């Protein structure tokens, strides 16, 4: 008998390295760079957002010190929005086709390209 994953998957328009702002949750209003994306779970890890504490055991072979380590936890993609570099506001992502035929992500507020 097959077990299916019940989480709903969408294509994620946010990419690694994008500057995003958290719009919901306990860290609402914070902004940072996207460090990693998990498309299967619809989650992203944002720099300096959703900090959790983890107790680690020392491991001299891997040069790991023991103690309480703070690191970023993942948050749902629906709780973040991309920050446009030209208008400086968080925005939804649109797609525009350039005259040379390439498709780029664009800001829905000012229509400027988000991709470099």
PDB file of N, CA and C in Angstrom:
ATOM      1  N   UNK A   1       0.826  -1.176   0.000  1.00  0.00           N
ATOM      2  CA  UNK A   1       0.000   0.000   0.000  1.00  0.00           C
ATOM      3  C   UNK A   1       0.879   1.252   0.000  1.00  0.00           C
ATOM      4  N   UNK A   2       0.612   2.181  -0.908  1.00  0.00           N
ATOM      5  CA  UNK A   2       1.417   3.390  -1.013  1.00  0.00           C
ATOM      6  C   UNK A   2       0.936   4.446  -0.037  1.00  0.00           C
ATOM      7  N   UNK A   3       1.888   5.162   0.506  1.00  0.00           N
ATOM      8  CA  UNK A   3       1.563   6.258   1.401  1.00  0.00           C
ATOM      9  C   UNK A   3       1.873   7.564   0.685  1.00  0.00           C
ATOM     10  N   UNK A   4       0.882   8.399   0.528  1.00  0.00           N
ATOM     11  CA  UNK A   4       1.068   9.629  -0.222  1.00  0.00           C
ATOM     12  C   UNK A   4       1.312  10.795   0.718  1.00  0.00           C
ATOM     13  N   UNK A   5       2.120  11.712   0.245  1.00  0.00           N
ATOM     14  CA  UNK A   5       2.384  12.930   1.000  1.00  0.00           C
ATOM     15  C   UNK A   5       1.217  13.879   0.818  1.00  0.00           C
ATOM     16  N   UNK A   6       0.586  14.283   1.906  1.00  0.00           N
ATOM     17  CA  UNK A   6      -0.629  15.085   1.832  1.00  0.00           C
ATOM     18  C   UNK A   6      -0.366  16.589   1.716  1.00  0.00           C
ATOM     19  N   UNK A   7       0.902  17.021   1.887  1.00  0.00           N
ATOM     20  CA  UNK A   7       1.167  18.453   1.805  1.00  0.00           C
ATOM     21  C   UNK A   7       1.002  18.927   0.376  1.00  0.00           C
ATOM     22  N   UNK A   8       0.384  20.085   0.244  1.00  0.00           N
ATOM     23  CA  UNK A   8       0.125  20.651  -1.079  1.00  0.00           C
ATOM     24  C   UNK A   8       1.375  21.356  -1.578  1.00  0.00           C
ATOM     25  N   UNK A   9       1.823  21.009  -2.771  1.00  0.00           N
ATOM     26  CA  UNK A   9       3.053  21.584  -3.310  1.00  0.00           C
ATOM     27  C   UNK A   9       2.742  22.580  -4.411  1.00  0.00           C
ATOM     28  N   UNK A  10       3.397  23.724  -4.351  1.00  0.00           N
ATOM     29  CA  UNK A  10       3.271  24.743  -5.379  1.00  0.00           C
ATOM     30  C   UNK A  10       4.671  25.047  -5.906  1.00  0.00           C
ATOM     31  N   UNK A  11       4.748  25.659  -7.059  1.00  0.00           N
ATOM     32  CA  UNK A  11       6.050  26.108  -7.523  1.00  0.00           C
ATOM     33  C   UNK A  11       6.422  27.344  -6.727  1.00  0.00           C
ATOM     34  N   UNK A  12       7.625  27.359  -6.209  1.00  0.00           N
ATOM     35  CA  UNK A  12       8.067  28.453  -5.361  1.00  0.00           C
ATOM     36  C   UNK A  12       8.799  29.473  -6.231  1.00  0.00           C
ATOM     37  N   UNK A  13       8.303  30.707  -6.227  1.00  0.00           N
ATOM     38  CA  UNK A  13       8.907  31.764  -7.039  1.00  0.00           C
ATOM     39  C   UNK A  13      10.096  32.400  -6.337  1.00  0.00           C
ATOM     40  N   UNK A  14      10.218  32.161  -5.027  1.00  0.00           N
ATOM     41  CA  UNK A  14      11.338  32.709  -4.266  1.00  0.00           C
ATOM     42  C   UNK A  14      12.558  31.835  -4.488  1.00  0.00           C
ATOM     43  N   UNK A  15      13.712  32.461  -4.649  1.00  0.00           N
ATOM     44  CA  UNK A  15      14.942  31.725  -4.905  1.00  0.00           C
ATOM     45  C   UNK A  15      15.970  31.993  -3.817  1.00  0.00           C
ATOM     46  N   UNK A  16      16.966  31.118  -3.750  1.00  0.00           N
ATOM     47  CA  UNK A  16      18.053  31.267  -2.789  1.00  0.00           C
ATOM     48  C   UNK A  16      18.795  32.565  -3.088  1.00  0.00           C
ATOM     49  N   UNK A  17      19.069  33.341  -2.044  1.00  0.00           N
ATOM     50  CA  UNK A  17      19.763  34.610  -2.210  1.00  0.00           C
ATOM     51  C   UNK A  17      18.844  35.812  -2.319  1.00  0.00           C
ATOM     52  N   UNK A  18      17.533  35.581  -2.470  1.00  0.00           N
ATOM     53  CA  UNK A  18      16.582  36.694  -2.546  1.00  0.00           C
ATOM     54  C   UNK A  18      16.479  37.401  -1.199  1.00  0.00           C
ATOM     55  N   UNK A  19      16.215  38.703  -1.249  1.00  0.00           N
ATOM     56  CA  UNK A  19      15.968  39.462  -0.035  1.00  0.00           C
ATOM     57  C   UNK A  19      14.470  39.424   0.228  1.00  0.00           C
ATOM     58  N   UNK A  20      14.051  38.903   1.394  1.00  0.00           N
ATOM     59  CA  UNK A  20      12.630  38.739   1.686  1.00  0.00           C
ATOM     60  C   UNK A  20      12.276  39.396   3.014  1.00  0.00           C
ATOM     61  N   UNK A  21      10.980  39.692   3.192  1.00  0.00           N
ATOM     62  CA  UNK A  21      10.463  40.222   4.443  1.00  0.00           C
ATOM     63  C   UNK A  21       9.411  39.257   4.973  1.00  0.00           C
ATOM     64  N   UNK A  22       9.454  38.986   6.281  1.00  0.00           N
ATOM     65  CA  UNK A  22       8.480  38.100   6.909  1.00  0.00           C
ATOM     66  C   UNK A  22       7.212  38.911   7.159  1.00  0.00           C
ATOM     67  N   UNK A  23       6.057  38.393   6.691  1.00  0.00           N
ATOM     68  CA  UNK A  23       4.809  39.141   6.802  1.00  0.00           C
ATOM     69  C   UNK A  23       3.861  38.546   7.840  1.00  0.00           C
ATOM     70  N   UNK A  24       4.175  37.361   8.370  1.00  0.00           N
ATOM     71  CA  UNK A  24       3.296  36.731   9.354  1.00  0.00           C
ATOM     72  C   UNK A  24       4.121  35.901  10.328  1.00  0.00           C
ATOM     73  N   UNK A  25       3.583  35.728  11.516  1.00  0.00           N
ATOM     74  CA  UNK A  25       4.255  34.911  12.520  1.00  0.00           C
ATOM     75  C   UNK A  25       4.941  35.766  13.574  1.00  0.00           C
ATOM     76  N   UNK A  26       5.710  35.121  14.448  1.00  0.00           N
ATOM     77  CA  UNK A  26       6.342  35.843  15.553  1.00  0.00           C
ATOM     78  C   UNK A  26       7.468  36.752  15.101  1.00  0.00           C
ATOM     79  N   UNK A  27       8.017  36.515  13.913  1.00  0.00           N
ATOM     80  CA  UNK A  27       9.097  37.342  13.378  1.00  0.00           C
ATOM     81  C   UNK A  27       8.606  38.297  12.300  1.00  0.00           C
ATOM     82  N   UNK A  28       7.330  38.644  12.298  1.00  0.00           N
ATOM     83  CA  UNK A  28       6.770  39.527  11.278  1.00  0.00           C
ATOM     84  C   UNK A  28       7.472  40.874  11.294  1.00  0.00           C
ATOM     85  N   UNK A  29       7.805  41.372  10.103  1.00  0.00           N
ATOM     86  CA  UNK A  29       8.496  42.650   9.977  1.00  0.00           C
ATOM     87  C   UNK A  29       9.991  42.507   9.774  1.00  0.00           C
ATOM     88  N   UNK A  30      10.568  41.374  10.149  1.00  0.00           N
ATOM     89  CA  UNK A  30      11.998  41.159   9.952  1.00  0.00           C
ATOM     90  C   UNK A  30      12.272  40.856   8.485  1.00  0.00           C
ATOM     91  N   UNK A  31      13.465  41.182   8.042  1.00  0.00           N
ATOM     92  CA  UNK A  31      13.837  40.847   6.668  1.00  0.00           C
ATOM     93  C   UNK A  31      15.231  40.246   6.656  1.00  0.00           C
ATOM     94  N   UNK A  32      15.504  39.484   5.616  1.00  0.00           N
ATOM     95  CA  UNK A  32      16.801  38.836   5.497  1.00  0.00           C
ATOM     96  C   UNK A  32      16.922  38.119   4.172  1.00  0.00           C
ATOM     97  N   UNK A  33      18.073  37.474   3.988  1.00  0.00           N
ATOM     98  CA  UNK A  33      18.371  36.765   2.750  1.00  0.00           C
ATOM     99  C   UNK A  33      17.948  35.307   2.884  1.00  0.00           C
ATOM    100  N   UNK A  34      17.450  34.725   1.795  1.00  0.00           N
ATOM    101  CA  UNK A  34      17.041  33.321   1.804  1.00  0.00           C
ATOM    102  C   UNK A  34      18.298  32.456   1.731  1.00  0.00           C
ATOM    103  N   UNK A  35      18.462  31.566   2.719  1.00  0.00           N
ATOM    104  CA  UNK A  35      19.629  30.694   2.771  1.00  0.00           C
ATOM    105  C   UNK A  35      19.386  29.372   2.065  1.00  0.00           C
ATOM    106  N   UNK A  36      18.180  28.807   2.226  1.00  0.00           N
ATOM    107  CA  UNK A  36      17.863  27.545   1.551  1.00  0.00           C
ATOM    108  C   UNK A  36      16.360  27.420   1.371  1.00  0.00           C
ATOM    109  N   UNK A  37      15.986  26.546   0.426  1.00  0.00           N
ATOM    110  CA  UNK A  37      14.580  26.324   0.094  1.00  0.00           C
ATOM    111  C   UNK A  37      14.309  24.831   0.097  1.00  0.00           C
ATOM    112  N   UNK A  38      13.191  24.426   0.718  1.00  0.00           N
ATOM    113  CA  UNK A  38      12.737  23.041   0.658  1.00  0.00           C
ATOM    114  C   UNK A  38      11.406  23.032  -0.086  1.00  0.00           C
ATOM    115  N   UNK A  39      11.438  22.722  -1.378  1.00  0.00           N
ATOM    116  CA  UNK A  39      10.248  22.799  -2.226  1.00  0.00           C
ATOM    117  C   UNK A  39       9.230  21.721  -1.873  1.00  0.00           C
ATOM    118  N   UNK A  40       9.697  20.571  -1.375  1.00  0.00           N
ATOM    119  CA  UNK A  40       8.770  19.501  -1.030  1.00  0.00           C
ATOM    120  C   UNK A  40       7.914  19.857   0.179  1.00  0.00           C
ATOM    121  N   UNK A  41       8.475  20.604   1.111  1.00  0.00           N
ATOM    122  CA  UNK A  41       7.752  20.973   2.329  1.00  0.00           C
ATOM    123  C   UNK A  41       7.239  22.410   2.303  1.00  0.00           C
ATOM    124  N   UNK A  42       7.464  23.144   1.190  1.00  0.00           N
ATOM    125  CA  UNK A  42       7.050  24.556   1.052  1.00  0.00           C
ATOM    126  C   UNK A  42       7.641  25.426   2.144  1.00  0.00           C
ATOM    127  N   UNK A  43       8.935  25.260   2.435  1.00  0.00           N
ATOM    128  CA  UNK A  43       9.563  26.011   3.517  1.00  0.00           C
ATOM    129  C   UNK A  43      10.855  26.669   3.054  1.00  0.00           C
ATOM    130  N   UNK A  44      11.192  27.784   3.693  1.00  0.00           N
ATOM    131  CA  UNK A  44      12.435  28.489   3.409  1.00  0.00           C
ATOM    132  C   UNK A  44      13.152  28.797   4.718  1.00  0.00           C
ATOM    133  N   UNK A  45      14.477  28.908   4.652  1.00  0.00           N
ATOM    134  CA  UNK A  45      15.284  29.328   5.793  1.00  0.00           C
ATOM    135  C   UNK A  45      15.783  30.733   5.476  1.00  0.00           C
ATOM    136  N   UNK A  46      15.449  31.695   6.350  1.00  0.00           N
ATOM    137  CA  UNK A  46      15.819  33.091   6.141  1.00  0.00           C
ATOM    138  C   UNK A  46      16.839  33.485   7.200  1.00  0.00           C
ATOM    139  N   UNK A  47      17.839  34.242   6.772  1.00  0.00           N
ATOM    140  CA  UNK A  47      18.923  34.668   7.644  1.00  0.00           C
ATOM    141  C   UNK A  47      18.399  35.535   8.787  1.00  0.00           C
ATOM    142  N   UNK A  48      18.766  35.215  10.016  1.00  0.00           N
ATOM    143  CA  UNK A  48      18.413  35.939  11.245  1.00  0.00           C
ATOM    144  C   UNK A  48      16.908  35.963  11.536  1.00  0.00           C
ATOM    145  N   UNK A  49      16.169  34.973  11.043  1.00  0.00           N
ATOM    146  CA  UNK A  49      14.728  34.883  11.290  1.00  0.00           C
ATOM    147  C   UNK A  49      14.424  33.491  11.823  1.00  0.00           C
ATOM    148  N   UNK A  50      13.491  33.388  12.756  1.00  0.00           N
ATOM    149  CA  UNK A  50      13.071  32.118  13.362  1.00  0.00           C
ATOM    150  C   UNK A  50      14.257  31.412  14.014  1.00  0.00           C
ATOM    151  N   UNK A  51      14.945  32.123  14.889  1.00  0.00           N
ATOM    152  CA  UNK A  51      16.116  31.574  15.574  1.00  0.00           C
ATOM    153  C   UNK A  51      15.660  30.563  16.623  1.00  0.00           C
ATOM    154  N   UNK A  52      16.267  29.371  16.574  1.00  0.00           N
ATOM    155  CA  UNK A  52      15.969  28.347  17.577  1.00  0.00           C
ATOM    156  C   UNK A  52      17.256  27.961  18.288  1.00  0.00           C
ATOM    157  N   UNK A  53      17.112  27.442  19.493  1.00  0.00           N
ATOM    158  CA  UNK A  53      18.274  27.023  20.271  1.00  0.00           C
ATOM    159  C   UNK A  53      18.358  25.507  20.252  1.00  0.00           C
ATOM    160  N   UNK A  54      19.556  25.009  20.023  1.00  0.00           N
ATOM    161  CA  UNK A  54      19.758  23.568  19.940  1.00  0.00           C
ATOM    162  C   UNK A  54      20.900  23.182  20.871  1.00  0.00           C
ATOM    163  N   UNK A  55      20.661  22.193  21.710  1.00  0.00           N
ATOM    164  CA  UNK A  55      21.697  21.711  22.619  1.00  0.00           C
ATOM    165  C   UNK A  55      22.541  20.678  21.895  1.00  0.00           C
ATOM    166  N   UNK A  56      23.832  20.936  21.779  1.00  0.00           N
ATOM    167  CA  UNK A  56      24.711  20.016  21.058  1.00  0.00           C
ATOM    168  C   UNK A  56      25.758  19.431  21.997  1.00  0.00           C
ATOM    169  N   UNK A  57      26.091  18.196  21.716  1.00  0.00           N
ATOM    170  CA  UNK A  57      27.116  17.484  22.482  1.00  0.00           C
ATOM    171  C   UNK A  57      28.473  17.740  21.805  1.00  0.00           C
ATOM    172  N   UNK A  58      29.529  17.934  22.589  1.00  0.00           N
ATOM    173  CA  UNK A  58      30.832  18.175  21.965  1.00  0.00           C
ATOM    174  C   UNK A  58      31.343  16.956  21.203  1.00  0.00           C
ATOM    175  N   UNK A  59      31.958  17.197  20.058  1.00  0.00           N
ATOM    176  CA  UNK A  59      32.534  16.134  19.232  1.00  0.00           C
ATOM    177  C   UNK A  59      33.920  16.590  18.777  1.00  0.00           C
ATOM    178  N   UNK A  60      34.961  16.125  19.477  1.00  0.00           N
ATOM    179  CA  UNK A  60      36.318  16.580  19.142  1.00  0.00           C
ATOM    180  C   UNK A  60      36.775  16.154  17.735  1.00  0.00           C
ATOM    181  N   UNK A  61      36.270  15.030  17.224  1.00  0.00           N
ATOM    182  CA  UNK A  61      36.678  14.571  15.892  1.00  0.00           C
ATOM    183  C   UNK A  61      36.231  15.538  14.800  1.00  0.00           C
ATOM    184  N   UNK A  62      35.018  16.095  14.940  1.00  0.00           N
ATOM    185  CA  UNK A  62      34.498  17.045  13.953  1.00  0.00           C
ATOM    186  C   UNK A  62      34.731  18.492  14.369  1.00  0.00           C
ATOM    187  N   UNK A  63      35.501  18.680  15.460  1.00  0.00           N
ATOM    188  CA  UNK A  63      35.845  20.010  15.966  1.00  0.00           C
ATOM    189  C   UNK A  63      34.593  20.817  16.328  1.00  0.00           C
ATOM    190  N   UNK A  64      33.622  20.165  16.970  1.00  0.00           N
ATOM    191  CA  UNK A  64      32.379  20.821  17.375  1.00  0.00           C
ATOM    192  C   UNK A  64      32.417  21.036  18.885  1.00  0.00           C
ATOM    193  N   UNK A  65      32.235  22.281  19.293  1.00  0.00           N
ATOM    194  CA  UNK A  65      32.160  22.577  20.726  1.00  0.00           C
ATOM    195  C   UNK A  65      30.746  22.285  21.211  1.00  0.00           C
ATOM    196  N   UNK A  66      30.631  21.842  22.428  1.00  0.00           N
ATOM    197  CA  UNK A  66      29.319  21.568  22.996  1.00  0.00           C
ATOM    198  C   UNK A  66      28.672  22.833  23.519  1.00  0.00           C
ATOM    199  N   UNK A  67      27.381  22.755  23.808  1.00  0.00           N
ATOM    200  CA  UNK A  67      26.676  23.891  24.373  1.00  0.00           C
ATOM    201  C   UNK A  67      25.391  24.178  23.629  1.00  0.00           C
ATOM    202  N   UNK A  68      24.890  25.381  23.829  1.00  0.00           N
ATOM    203  CA  UNK A  68      23.647  25.784  23.186  1.00  0.00           C
ATOM    204  C   UNK A  68      23.980  26.591  21.938  1.00  0.00           C
ATOM    205  N   UNK A  69      23.554  26.075  20.800  1.00  0.00           N
ATOM    206  CA  UNK A  69      23.838  26.711  19.513  1.00  0.00           C
ATOM    207  C   UNK A  69      22.544  27.321  18.983  1.00  0.00           C
ATOM    208  N   UNK A  70      22.624  28.563  18.500  1.00  0.00           N
ATOM    209  CA  UNK A  70      21.465  29.215  17.902  1.00  0.00           C
ATOM    210  C   UNK A  70      21.566  29.120  16.391  1.00  0.00           C
ATOM    211  N   UNK A  71      20.490  28.668  15.750  1.00  0.00           N
ATOM    212  CA  UNK A  71      20.478  28.611  14.294  1.00  0.00           C
ATOM    213  C   UNK A  71      19.074  28.887  13.774  1.00  0.00           C
ATOM    214  N   UNK A  72      18.987  29.160  12.473  1.00  0.00           N
ATOM    215  CA  UNK A  72      17.710  29.518  11.871  1.00  0.00           C
ATOM    216  C   UNK A  72      16.873  28.270  11.609  1.00  0.00           C
ATOM    217  N   UNK A  73      15.582  28.361  11.915  1.00  0.00           N
ATOM    218  CA  UNK A  73      14.639  27.299  11.587  1.00  0.00           C
ATOM    219  C   UNK A  73      13.924  27.695  10.302  1.00  0.00           C
ATOM    220  N   UNK A  74      13.281  26.727   9.660  1.00  0.00           N
ATOM    221  CA  UNK A  74      12.567  27.030   8.417  1.00  0.00           C
ATOM    222  C   UNK A  74      11.191  27.578   8.725  1.00  0.00           C
ATOM    223  N   UNK A  75      10.694  28.432   7.830  1.00  0.00           N
ATOM    224  CA  UNK A  75       9.345  28.969   7.950  1.00  0.00           C
ATOM    225  C   UNK A  75       8.629  28.739   6.629  1.00  0.00           C
ATOM    226  N   UNK A  76       7.304  28.799   6.655  1.00  0.00           N
ATOM    227  CA  UNK A  76       6.517  28.526   5.465  1.00  0.00           C
ATOM    228  C   UNK A  76       6.700  29.629   4.432  1.00  0.00           C
ATOM    229  N   UNK A  77       6.675  29.257   3.162  1.00  0.00           N
ATOM    230  CA  UNK A  77       6.870  30.204   2.070  1.00  0.00           C
ATOM    231  C   UNK A  77       5.767  31.260   2.048  1.00  0.00           C
ATOM    232  N   UNK A  78       4.563  30.883   2.493  1.00  0.00           N
ATOM    233  CA  UNK A  78       3.453  31.819   2.475  1.00  0.00           C
ATOM    234  C   UNK A  78       3.647  32.967   3.458  1.00  0.00           C
ATOM    235  N   UNK A  79       4.595  32.845   4.374  1.00  0.00           N
ATOM    236  CA  UNK A  79       4.825  33.886   5.375  1.00  0.00           C
ATOM    237  C   UNK A  79       5.896  34.886   4.971  1.00  0.00           C
ATOM    238  N   UNK A  80       6.461  34.752   3.769  1.00  0.00           N
ATOM    239  CA  UNK A  80       7.486  35.692   3.312  1.00  0.00           C
ATOM    240  C   UNK A  80       7.115  36.283   1.961  1.00  0.00           C
ATOM    241  N   UNK A  81       7.595  37.516   1.723  1.00  0.00           N
ATOM    242  CA  UNK A  81       7.419  38.184   0.435  1.00  0.00           C
ATOM    243  C   UNK A  81       8.746  38.773   0.004  1.00  0.00           C
ATOM    244  N   UNK A  82       8.996  38.788  -1.294  1.00  0.00           N
ATOM    245  CA  UNK A  82      10.237  39.316  -1.841  1.00  0.00           C
ATOM    246  C   UNK A  82      10.252  40.833  -1.707  1.00  0.00           C
ATOM    247  N   UNK A  83      11.425  41.374  -1.360  1.00  0.00           N
ATOM    248  CA  UNK A  83      11.597  42.824  -1.298  1.00  0.00           C
ATOM    249  C   UNK A  83      12.223  43.280  -2.606  1.00  0.00           C
ATOM    250  N   UNK A  84      11.562  44.232  -3.272  1.00  0.00           N
ATOM    251  CA  UNK A  84      12.045  44.760  -4.550  1.00  0.00           C
ATOM    252  C   UNK A  84      13.225  45.688  -4.294  1.00  0.00           C
ATOM    253  N   UNK A  85      14.285  45.557  -5.095  1.00  0.00           N
ATOM    254  CA  UNK A  85      15.474  46.381  -4.917  1.00  0.00           C
ATOM    255  C   UNK A  85      15.241  47.819  -5.366  1.00  0.00           C
ATOM    256  N   UNK A  86      14.388  48.026  -6.370  1.00  0.00           N
ATOM    257  CA  UNK A  86      14.205  49.380  -6.892  1.00  0.00           C
ATOM    258  C   UNK A  86      13.196  50.196  -6.088  1.00  0.00           C
ATOM    259  N   UNK A  87      12.052  49.609  -5.708  1.00  0.00           N
ATOM    260  CA  UNK A  87      11.067  50.391  -4.945  1.00  0.00           C
ATOM    261  C   UNK A  87      11.213  50.190  -3.437  1.00  0.00           C
ATOM    262  N   UNK A  88      11.945  49.151  -2.990  1.00  0.00           N
ATOM    263  CA  UNK A  88      12.225  48.959  -1.573  1.00  0.00           C
ATOM    264  C   UNK A  88      11.083  48.408  -0.748  1.00  0.00           C
ATOM    265  N   UNK A  89      10.002  47.985  -1.390  1.00  0.00           N
ATOM    266  CA  UNK A  89       8.848  47.458  -0.669  1.00  0.00           C
ATOM    267  C   UNK A  89       8.690  45.965  -0.947  1.00  0.00           C
ATOM    268  N   UNK A  90       8.003  45.259  -0.010  1.00  0.00           N
ATOM    269  CA  UNK A  90       7.742  43.850  -0.272  1.00  0.00           C
ATOM    270  C   UNK A  90       6.620  43.756  -1.296  1.00  0.00           C
ATOM    271  N   UNK A  91       6.748  42.779  -2.183  1.00  0.00           N
ATOM    272  CA  UNK A  91       5.850  42.720  -3.328  1.00  0.00           C
ATOM    273  C   UNK A  91       5.594  41.286  -3.748  1.00  0.00           C
ATOM    274  N   UNK A  92       4.525  41.116  -4.511  1.00  0.00           N
ATOM    275  CA  UNK A  92       4.290  39.823  -5.131  1.00  0.00           C
ATOM    276  C   UNK A  92       5.172  39.715  -6.366  1.00  0.00           C
ATOM    277  N   UNK A  93       5.339  38.502  -6.863  1.00  0.00           N
ATOM    278  CA  UNK A  93       6.229  38.269  -7.989  1.00  0.00           C
ATOM    279  C   UNK A  93       5.413  38.034  -9.245  1.00  0.00           C
ATOM    280  N   UNK A  94       5.716  38.787 -10.282  1.00  0.00           N
ATOM    281  CA  UNK A  94       5.114  38.583 -11.591  1.00  0.00           C
ATOM    282  C   UNK A  94       6.172  38.092 -12.554  1.00  0.00           C
ATOM    283  N   UNK A  95       5.766  37.754 -13.745  1.00  0.00           N
ATOM    284  CA  UNK A  95       6.707  37.318 -14.777  1.00  0.00           C
ATOM    285  C   UNK A  95       6.485  38.144 -16.022  1.00  0.00           C
ATOM    286  N   UNK A  96       7.571  38.645 -16.600  1.00  0.00           N
ATOM    287  CA  UNK A  96       7.483  39.392 -17.853  1.00  0.00           C
ATOM    288  C   UNK A  96       8.438  38.787 -18.854  1.00  0.00           C
ATOM    289  N   UNK A  97       8.045  38.834 -20.114  1.00  0.00           N
ATOM    290  CA  UNK A  97       8.901  38.331 -21.188  1.00  0.00           C
ATOM    291  C   UNK A  97       9.589  39.533 -21.828  1.00  0.00           C
ATOM    292  N   UNK A  98      10.907  39.499 -21.853  1.00  0.00           N
ATOM    293  CA  UNK A  98      11.687  40.582 -22.434  1.00  0.00           C
ATOM    294  C   UNK A  98      11.648  40.502 -23.962  1.00  0.00           C
ATOM    295  N   UNK A  99      12.005  41.582 -24.657  1.00  0.00           N
ATOM    296  CA  UNK A  99      11.986  41.572 -26.133  1.00  0.00           C
ATOM    297  C   UNK A  99      12.871  40.491 -26.765  1.00  0.00           C
ATOM    298  N   UNK A 100      13.936  40.081 -26.042  1.00  0.00           N
ATOM    299  CA  UNK A 100      14.800  39.031 -26.611  1.00  0.00           C
ATOM    300  C   UNK A 100      14.260  37.630 -26.344  1.00  0.00           C
ATOM    301  N   UNK A 101      13.094  37.524 -25.688  1.00  0.00           N
ATOM    302  CA  UNK A 101      12.445  36.228 -25.495  1.00  0.00           C
ATOM    303  C   UNK A 101      12.693  35.578 -24.151  1.00  0.00           C
ATOM    304  N   UNK A 102      13.518  36.182 -23.299  1.00  0.00           N
ATOM    305  CA  UNK A 102      13.777  35.588 -21.992  1.00  0.00           C
ATOM    306  C   UNK A 102      12.694  35.996 -21.004  1.00  0.00           C
ATOM    307  N   UNK A 103      12.359  35.088 -20.093  1.00  0.00           N
ATOM    308  CA  UNK A 103      11.319  35.326 -19.095  1.00  0.00           C
ATOM    309  C   UNK A 103      11.993  35.634 -17.765  1.00  0.00           C
ATOM    310  N   UNK A 104      11.636  36.761 -17.150  1.00  0.00           N
ATOM    311  CA  UNK A 104      12.243  37.161 -15.884  1.00  0.00           C
ATOM    312  C   UNK A 104      11.159  37.413 -14.846  1.00  0.00           C
ATOM    313  N   UNK A 105      11.543  37.281 -13.567  1.00  0.00           N
ATOM    314  CA  UNK A 105      10.637  37.623 -12.485  1.00  0.00           C
ATOM    315  C   UNK A 105      10.615  39.131 -12.341  1.00  0.00           C
ATOM    316  N   UNK A 106       9.427  39.688 -12.054  1.00  0.00           N
ATOM    317  CA  UNK A 106       9.332  41.141 -11.964  1.00  0.00           C
ATOM    318  C   UNK A 106       8.502  41.534 -10.755  1.00  0.00           C
ATOM    319  N   UNK A 107       8.693  42.786 -10.332  1.00  0.00           N
ATOM    320  CA  UNK A 107       7.960  43.376  -9.217  1.00  0.00           C
ATOM    321  C   UNK A 107       6.561  43.732  -9.697  1.00  0.00           C
ATOM    322  N   UNK A 108       5.541  43.386  -8.900  1.00  0.00           N
ATOM    323  CA  UNK A 108       4.171  43.708  -9.284  1.00  0.00           C
ATOM    324  C   UNK A 108       3.831  45.168  -8.999  1.00  0.00           C
ATOM    325  N   UNK A 109       4.631  45.866  -8.183  1.00  0.00           N
ATOM    326  CA  UNK A 109       4.357  47.263  -7.865  1.00  0.00           C
ATOM    327  C   UNK A 109       4.942  48.202  -8.913  1.00  0.00           C
ATOM    328  N   UNK A 110       6.244  47.994  -9.273  1.00  0.00           N
ATOM    329  CA  UNK A 110       6.913  48.938 -10.169  1.00  0.00           C
ATOM    330  C   UNK A 110       7.329  48.311 -11.502  1.00  0.00           C
ATOM    331  N   UNK A 111       7.028  47.034 -11.700  1.00  0.00           N
ATOM    332  CA  UNK A 111       7.330  46.296 -12.938  1.00  0.00           C
ATOM    333  C   UNK A 111       8.818  46.213 -13.279  1.00  0.00           C
ATOM    334  N   UNK A 112       9.709  46.447 -12.317  1.00  0.00           N
ATOM    335  CA  UNK A 112      11.135  46.287 -12.596  1.00  0.00           C
ATOM    336  C   UNK A 112      11.527  44.824 -12.400  1.00  0.00           C
ATOM    337  N   UNK A 113      12.573  44.395 -13.086  1.00  0.00           N
ATOM    338  CA  UNK A 113      13.017  42.998 -13.017  1.00  0.00           C
ATOM    339  C   UNK A 113      13.677  42.704 -11.680  1.00  0.00           C
ATOM    340  N   UNK A 114      13.331  41.551 -11.089  1.00  0.00           N
ATOM    341  CA  UNK A 114      13.928  41.132  -9.822  1.00  0.00           C
ATOM    342  C   UNK A 114      15.226  40.357 -10.048  1.00  0.00           C
ATOM    343  N   UNK A 115      15.344  39.711 -11.222  1.00  0.00           N
ATOM    344  CA  UNK A 115      16.551  38.949 -11.540  1.00  0.00           C
ATOM    345  C   UNK A 115      17.630  39.893 -12.038  1.00  0.00           C
ATOM    346  N   UNK A 116      18.859  39.563 -11.696  1.00  0.00           N
ATOM    347  CA  UNK A 116      19.960  40.397 -12.146  1.00  0.00           C
ATOM    348  C   UNK A 116      20.343  40.052 -13.560  1.00  0.00           C
TER     349      UNK A 116
END
